[in-house]
Amino acid sequence: ELLRQRRHAEAETQLRTAGALDDSSAPAHLNLGVVLSSAGKFDGGIARLERALALNPANTQIYANLGEAYAAQGRFAPAVTNFLRALETRPDDLFLLNRAGWLLATSTDPQVRNGPRAVDLALHAVRLTNGQDVVSLDTLAAAYAEVGRFQEAATTVADAIRLARLQRRADILPEIEARLALYQAGQKFRQ
C-alpha cells in the first residue's frame, strides 16, 4: 500500500523488516526490489528481484520487473531476456510485447537488436489492440525501420500520430513526429 502511495522510504523500511523476519519470502523480496528500483536504487533492487526469482522462478511478474530494472540501467540484453521470459507465460501482455519489441528494434547494442523478432512482437501487440494503441503502432514502426521496411515504418508511425492526436496524447507527439522524419529519410531509430 505504501508503494502505491509512492511513499518509497516507508515502504522500503517495512519491506526490509519483512525480509529480515523471513528471508525465504519471495513476495517480500519482490516488493522490496520494486521499491528500491522505483527509488532509483537499481543494484539493490535487482539483487532483491533476483533473490525473489530464486525463491519462486514461476512468478512471471518478477521477470517483468527485472526487465524494467535492467532497462532503466541501460542494460538492454538482460532486460530483453527477462521480458521475453515473462512473455513465455503471458504472450498477450501488451506491456511486455511493447517493451521487448522496442528494445529489440531500437537498442544501440547490435547484439540485442533482432528486427524480425521485434516485428513479430509488435504486430501481435497491434493485432491485440486492433490498431488502437499509439505505443504499439510506434513500436511496430521502429521494428519495420530496423528491418529496412522504411515505407511501412513511415506509414505506421503516421497512423500512430493520427491516433495520438485523436486521443489528445500531446505528451508523445513530438517524439513520434521526429521518428516519422527519420523513417522518411530511410533511417533507423536508436534508443
C-alpha atoms as a PDB file:
ATOM      1  CA  GLU A   1       0.000   0.000   0.000  1.00  0.00           C
ATOM      2  CA  LEU A   2       2.858   2.383   0.770  1.00  0.00           C
ATOM      3  CA  LEU A   3       4.350   1.733  -2.658  1.00  0.00           C
ATOM      4  CA  ARG A   4       1.044   2.538  -4.343  1.00  0.00           C
ATOM      5  CA  GLN A   5       1.015   5.805  -2.427  1.00  0.00           C
ATOM      6  CA  ARG A   6       4.582   6.467  -3.641  1.00  0.00           C
ATOM      7  CA  ARG A   7       5.855   6.514  -0.082  1.00  0.00           C
ATOM      8  CA  HIS A   8       9.026   4.676  -1.104  1.00  0.00           C
ATOM      9  CA  ALA A   9      11.117   5.276   2.006  1.00  0.00           C
ATOM     10  CA  GLU A  10       8.404   3.971   4.321  1.00  0.00           C
ATOM     11  CA  ALA A  11       7.709   1.011   2.030  1.00  0.00           C
ATOM     12  CA  GLU A  12      11.418   0.176   1.943  1.00  0.00           C
ATOM     13  CA  THR A  13      11.608   0.185   5.752  1.00  0.00           C
ATOM     14  CA  GLN A  14       8.594  -2.094   6.110  1.00  0.00           C
ATOM     15  CA  LEU A  15       9.776  -4.499   3.419  1.00  0.00           C
ATOM     16  CA  ARG A  16      13.293  -4.706   4.837  1.00  0.00           C
ATOM     17  CA  THR A  17      11.729  -5.680   8.153  1.00  0.00           C
ATOM     18  CA  ALA A  18       9.556  -8.307   6.446  1.00  0.00           C
ATOM     19  CA  GLY A  19      12.566  -9.712   4.623  1.00  0.00           C
ATOM     20  CA  ALA A  20      14.584  -9.857   7.834  1.00  0.00           C
ATOM     21  CA  LEU A  21      11.780 -11.760   9.533  1.00  0.00           C
ATOM     22  CA  ASP A  22      11.536 -14.299   6.704  1.00  0.00           C
ATOM     23  CA  ASP A  23      14.364 -14.384   4.160  1.00  0.00           C
ATOM     24  CA  SER A  24      12.512 -17.100   2.245  1.00  0.00           C
ATOM     25  CA  SER A  25       9.598 -14.791   1.410  1.00  0.00           C
ATOM     26  CA  ALA A  26       9.607 -14.276  -2.360  1.00  0.00           C
ATOM     27  CA  PRO A  27       6.869 -11.603  -2.145  1.00  0.00           C
ATOM     28  CA  ALA A  28       8.913  -9.587   0.376  1.00  0.00           C
ATOM     29  CA  HIS A  29      11.975  -9.681  -1.874  1.00  0.00           C
ATOM     30  CA  LEU A  30       9.869  -8.931  -4.966  1.00  0.00           C
ATOM     31  CA  ASN A  31       8.185  -5.939  -3.381  1.00  0.00           C
ATOM     32  CA  LEU A  32      11.426  -4.613  -1.903  1.00  0.00           C
ATOM     33  CA  GLY A  33      13.068  -4.994  -5.321  1.00  0.00           C
ATOM     34  CA  VAL A  34      10.288  -2.957  -6.887  1.00  0.00           C
ATOM     35  CA  VAL A  35      10.512  -0.278  -4.195  1.00  0.00           C
ATOM     36  CA  LEU A  36      14.282   0.021  -4.497  1.00  0.00           C
ATOM     37  CA  SER A  37      14.140   0.141  -8.291  1.00  0.00           C
ATOM     38  CA  SER A  38      11.359   2.739  -8.181  1.00  0.00           C
ATOM     39  CA  ALA A  39      13.612   4.863  -5.987  1.00  0.00           C
ATOM     40  CA  GLY A  40      16.489   4.549  -8.473  1.00  0.00           C
ATOM     41  CA  LYS A  41      18.429   2.075  -6.305  1.00  0.00           C
ATOM     42  CA  PHE A  42      18.754  -0.390  -9.154  1.00  0.00           C
ATOM     43  CA  ASP A  43      21.635  -2.525  -7.911  1.00  0.00           C
ATOM     44  CA  GLY A  44      19.862  -3.271  -4.645  1.00  0.00           C
ATOM     45  CA  GLY A  45      16.539  -3.646  -6.411  1.00  0.00           C
ATOM     46  CA  ILE A  46      17.921  -6.101  -8.939  1.00  0.00           C
ATOM     47  CA  ALA A  47      19.586  -8.128  -6.178  1.00  0.00           C
ATOM     48  CA  ARG A  48      16.247  -8.420  -4.351  1.00  0.00           C
ATOM     49  CA  LEU A  49      14.403  -9.296  -7.557  1.00  0.00           C
ATOM     50  CA  GLU A  50      16.993 -11.969  -8.358  1.00  0.00           C
ATOM     51  CA  ARG A  51      16.527 -13.372  -4.843  1.00  0.00           C
ATOM     52  CA  ALA A  52      12.754 -13.427  -5.334  1.00  0.00           C
ATOM     53  CA  LEU A  53      13.251 -15.234  -8.630  1.00  0.00           C
ATOM     54  CA  ALA A  54      15.482 -17.843  -6.989  1.00  0.00           C
ATOM     55  CA  LEU A  55      12.753 -18.435  -4.424  1.00  0.00           C
ATOM     56  CA  ASN A  56       9.896 -18.506  -6.937  1.00  0.00           C
ATOM     57  CA  PRO A  57      11.012 -18.960 -10.565  1.00  0.00           C
ATOM     58  CA  ALA A  58       7.400 -19.460 -11.691  1.00  0.00           C
ATOM     59  CA  ASN A  59       6.397 -15.885 -10.844  1.00  0.00           C
ATOM     60  CA  THR A  60       6.274 -14.143 -14.223  1.00  0.00           C
ATOM     61  CA  GLN A  61       5.927 -10.710 -12.651  1.00  0.00           C
ATOM     62  CA  ILE A  62       9.451 -10.997 -11.278  1.00  0.00           C
ATOM     63  CA  TYR A  63      10.816 -11.361 -14.833  1.00  0.00           C
ATOM     64  CA  ALA A  64       8.862  -8.304 -15.948  1.00  0.00           C
ATOM     65  CA  ASN A  65      10.151  -6.251 -13.010  1.00  0.00           C
ATOM     66  CA  LEU A  66      13.715  -7.412 -13.623  1.00  0.00           C
ATOM     67  CA  GLY A  67      13.347  -6.398 -17.267  1.00  0.00           C
ATOM     68  CA  GLU A  68      12.273  -2.916 -16.244  1.00  0.00           C
ATOM     69  CA  ALA A  69      15.076  -2.534 -13.703  1.00  0.00           C
ATOM     70  CA  TYR A  70      17.724  -3.637 -16.198  1.00  0.00           C
ATOM     71  CA  ALA A  71      16.271  -1.390 -18.919  1.00  0.00           C
ATOM     72  CA  ALA A  72      16.323   1.600 -16.574  1.00  0.00           C
ATOM     73  CA  GLN A  73      20.049   0.934 -16.062  1.00  0.00           C
ATOM     74  CA  GLY A  74      20.624   0.744 -19.801  1.00  0.00           C
ATOM     75  CA  ARG A  75      21.434  -2.964 -19.553  1.00  0.00           C
ATOM     76  CA  PHE A  76      19.332  -3.969 -22.522  1.00  0.00           C
ATOM     77  CA  ALA A  77      20.495  -7.562 -23.037  1.00  0.00           C
ATOM     78  CA  PRO A  78      19.302  -8.807 -19.633  1.00  0.00           C
ATOM     79  CA  ALA A  79      16.229  -6.575 -19.931  1.00  0.00           C
ATOM     80  CA  VAL A  80      15.175  -8.251 -23.176  1.00  0.00           C
ATOM     81  CA  THR A  81      15.960 -11.697 -21.792  1.00  0.00           C
ATOM     82  CA  ASN A  82      13.657 -11.086 -18.845  1.00  0.00           C
ATOM     83  CA  PHE A  83      10.852  -9.528 -20.899  1.00  0.00           C
ATOM     84  CA  LEU A  84      10.944 -12.488 -23.297  1.00  0.00           C
ATOM     85  CA  ARG A  85      10.945 -14.920 -20.381  1.00  0.00           C
ATOM     86  CA  ALA A  86       7.841 -13.235 -18.977  1.00  0.00           C
ATOM     87  CA  LEU A  87       6.183 -13.413 -22.404  1.00  0.00           C
ATOM     88  CA  GLU A  88       6.548 -17.199 -22.383  1.00  0.00           C
ATOM     89  CA  THR A  89       3.665 -17.402 -19.922  1.00  0.00           C
ATOM     90  CA  ARG A  90       1.975 -14.079 -20.710  1.00  0.00           C
ATOM     91  CA  PRO A  91       2.093 -13.992 -24.538  1.00  0.00           C
ATOM     92  CA  ASP A  92      -0.680 -11.403 -24.843  1.00  0.00           C
ATOM     93  CA  ASP A  93       0.690  -8.941 -22.294  1.00  0.00           C
ATOM     94  CA  LEU A  94       0.695  -5.648 -24.180  1.00  0.00           C
ATOM     95  CA  PHE A  95       3.265  -4.001 -21.915  1.00  0.00           C
ATOM     96  CA  LEU A  96       5.728  -6.876 -22.322  1.00  0.00           C
ATOM     97  CA  LEU A  97       5.203  -7.099 -26.076  1.00  0.00           C
ATOM     98  CA  ASN A  98       5.958  -3.409 -26.488  1.00  0.00           C
ATOM     99  CA  ARG A  99       8.910  -3.293 -24.094  1.00  0.00           C
ATOM    100  CA  ALA A 100      10.613  -6.319 -25.649  1.00  0.00           C
ATOM    101  CA  GLY A 101       9.751  -5.252 -29.197  1.00  0.00           C
ATOM    102  CA  TRP A 102      11.014  -1.720 -28.636  1.00  0.00           C
ATOM    103  CA  LEU A 103      14.365  -2.829 -27.253  1.00  0.00           C
ATOM    104  CA  LEU A 104      14.813  -5.457 -29.977  1.00  0.00           C
ATOM    105  CA  ALA A 105      14.197  -2.751 -32.586  1.00  0.00           C
ATOM    106  CA  THR A 106      15.958   0.275 -31.124  1.00  0.00           C
ATOM    107  CA  SER A 107      18.801  -0.801 -28.840  1.00  0.00           C
ATOM    108  CA  THR A 108      22.151   0.790 -29.539  1.00  0.00           C
ATOM    109  CA  ASP A 109      23.693  -2.634 -28.859  1.00  0.00           C
ATOM    110  CA  PRO A 110      23.726  -4.665 -32.082  1.00  0.00           C
ATOM    111  CA  GLN A 111      23.890  -7.865 -30.019  1.00  0.00           C
ATOM    112  CA  VAL A 112      20.482  -7.019 -28.556  1.00  0.00           C
ATOM    113  CA  ARG A 113      18.719  -5.997 -31.750  1.00  0.00           C
ATOM    114  CA  ASN A 114      16.611  -8.548 -33.553  1.00  0.00           C
ATOM    115  CA  GLY A 115      14.434  -6.818 -36.130  1.00  0.00           C
ATOM    116  CA  PRO A 116      12.385  -9.825 -37.273  1.00  0.00           C
ATOM    117  CA  ARG A 117      11.524 -10.766 -33.688  1.00  0.00           C
ATOM    118  CA  ALA A 118      10.658  -7.121 -32.940  1.00  0.00           C
ATOM    119  CA  VAL A 119       8.291  -7.065 -35.930  1.00  0.00           C
ATOM    120  CA  ASP A 120       6.588 -10.267 -34.738  1.00  0.00           C
ATOM    121  CA  LEU A 121       6.073  -8.958 -31.203  1.00  0.00           C
ATOM    122  CA  ALA A 122       4.876  -5.538 -32.355  1.00  0.00           C
ATOM    123  CA  LEU A 123       2.490  -6.989 -34.932  1.00  0.00           C
ATOM    124  CA  HIS A 124       0.997  -9.151 -32.199  1.00  0.00           C
ATOM    125  CA  ALA A 125       0.515  -6.069 -29.993  1.00  0.00           C
ATOM    126  CA  VAL A 126      -1.109  -4.122 -32.841  1.00  0.00           C
ATOM    127  CA  ARG A 127      -3.452  -7.024 -33.577  1.00  0.00           C
ATOM    128  CA  LEU A 128      -4.402  -7.354 -29.908  1.00  0.00           C
ATOM    129  CA  THR A 129      -5.363  -3.678 -29.818  1.00  0.00           C
ATOM    130  CA  ASN A 130      -6.974  -3.583 -33.259  1.00  0.00           C
ATOM    131  CA  GLY A 131      -4.503  -0.863 -34.192  1.00  0.00           C
ATOM    132  CA  GLN A 132      -5.844   1.453 -31.497  1.00  0.00           C
ATOM    133  CA  ASP A 133      -2.770   1.736 -29.268  1.00  0.00           C
ATOM    134  CA  VAL A 134      -0.280   4.505 -30.026  1.00  0.00           C
ATOM    135  CA  VAL A 135       2.636   2.766 -28.310  1.00  0.00           C
ATOM    136  CA  SER A 136       2.079  -0.486 -30.204  1.00  0.00           C
ATOM    137  CA  LEU A 137       1.983   1.353 -33.532  1.00  0.00           C
ATOM    138  CA  ASP A 138       5.130   3.281 -32.624  1.00  0.00           C
ATOM    139  CA  THR A 139       6.893   0.037 -31.683  1.00  0.00           C
ATOM    140  CA  LEU A 140       5.839  -1.587 -34.941  1.00  0.00           C
ATOM    141  CA  ALA A 141       7.119   1.384 -36.917  1.00  0.00           C
ATOM    142  CA  ALA A 142      10.507   1.179 -35.188  1.00  0.00           C
ATOM    143  CA  ALA A 143      10.624  -2.558 -35.870  1.00  0.00           C
ATOM    144  CA  TYR A 144       9.808  -2.042 -39.546  1.00  0.00           C
ATOM    145  CA  ALA A 145      12.606   0.518 -39.775  1.00  0.00           C
ATOM    146  CA  GLU A 146      15.023  -1.886 -38.109  1.00  0.00           C
ATOM    147  CA  VAL A 147      14.402  -4.455 -40.869  1.00  0.00           C
ATOM    148  CA  GLY A 148      14.684  -1.803 -43.582  1.00  0.00           C
ATOM    149  CA  ARG A 149      10.971  -1.509 -44.354  1.00  0.00           C
ATOM    150  CA  PHE A 150      11.030   2.278 -44.162  1.00  0.00           C
ATOM    151  CA  GLN A 151       7.859   2.971 -46.160  1.00  0.00           C
ATOM    152  CA  GLU A 152       5.856   0.725 -43.844  1.00  0.00           C
ATOM    153  CA  ALA A 153       7.588   2.331 -40.866  1.00  0.00           C
ATOM    154  CA  ALA A 154       6.585   5.811 -42.054  1.00  0.00           C
ATOM    155  CA  THR A 155       3.009   4.736 -42.779  1.00  0.00           C
ATOM    156  CA  THR A 156       2.685   3.018 -39.393  1.00  0.00           C
ATOM    157  CA  VAL A 157       4.118   5.913 -37.414  1.00  0.00           C
ATOM    158  CA  ALA A 158       1.823   8.292 -39.344  1.00  0.00           C
ATOM    159  CA  ASP A 159      -1.077   6.134 -38.114  1.00  0.00           C
ATOM    160  CA  ALA A 160       0.310   6.454 -34.590  1.00  0.00           C
ATOM    161  CA  ILE A 161       0.470  10.241 -34.984  1.00  0.00           C
ATOM    162  CA  ARG A 162      -3.145  10.417 -36.157  1.00  0.00           C
ATOM    163  CA  LEU A 163      -4.260   8.220 -33.274  1.00  0.00           C
ATOM    164  CA  ALA A 164      -2.248  10.245 -30.743  1.00  0.00           C
ATOM    165  CA  ARG A 165      -3.901  13.431 -31.976  1.00  0.00           C
ATOM    166  CA  LEU A 166      -7.329  11.813 -31.830  1.00  0.00           C
ATOM    167  CA  GLN A 167      -6.640  10.614 -28.286  1.00  0.00           C
ATOM    168  CA  ARG A 168      -5.137  14.002 -27.340  1.00  0.00           C
ATOM    169  CA  ARG A 169      -1.760  12.447 -26.436  1.00  0.00           C
ATOM    170  CA  ALA A 170       0.284  15.624 -26.789  1.00  0.00           C
ATOM    171  CA  ASP A 171       2.890  14.122 -24.443  1.00  0.00           C
ATOM    172  CA  ILE A 172       4.064  11.614 -27.040  1.00  0.00           C
ATOM    173  CA  LEU A 173       3.500  13.529 -30.292  1.00  0.00           C
ATOM    174  CA  PRO A 174       6.883  15.303 -30.584  1.00  0.00           C
ATOM    175  CA  GLU A 175       8.784  12.019 -30.222  1.00  0.00           C
ATOM    176  CA  ILE A 176       6.678  10.200 -32.780  1.00  0.00           C
ATOM    177  CA  GLU A 177       6.785  13.070 -35.256  1.00  0.00           C
ATOM    178  CA  ALA A 178      10.585  13.095 -35.019  1.00  0.00           C
ATOM    179  CA  ARG A 179      10.646   9.379 -35.792  1.00  0.00           C
ATOM    180  CA  LEU A 180       8.446   9.948 -38.848  1.00  0.00           C
ATOM    181  CA  ALA A 181      11.111  12.243 -40.287  1.00  0.00           C
ATOM    182  CA  LEU A 182      13.783   9.594 -39.633  1.00  0.00           C
ATOM    183  CA  TYR A 183      11.846   6.837 -41.360  1.00  0.00           C
ATOM    184  CA  GLN A 184      11.008   9.053 -44.320  1.00  0.00           C
ATOM    185  CA  ALA A 185      14.758   9.672 -44.657  1.00  0.00           C
ATOM    186  CA  GLY A 186      15.447   5.920 -44.575  1.00  0.00           C
ATOM    187  CA  GLN A 187      16.991   5.972 -41.098  1.00  0.00           C
ATOM    188  CA  LYS A 188      16.517   3.686 -38.124  1.00  0.00           C
ATOM    189  CA  PHE A 189      15.744   4.916 -34.623  1.00  0.00           C
ATOM    190  CA  ARG A 190      18.187   4.150 -31.821  1.00  0.00           C
ATOM    191  CA  GLN A 191      17.315   4.477 -28.165  1.00  0.00           C
END
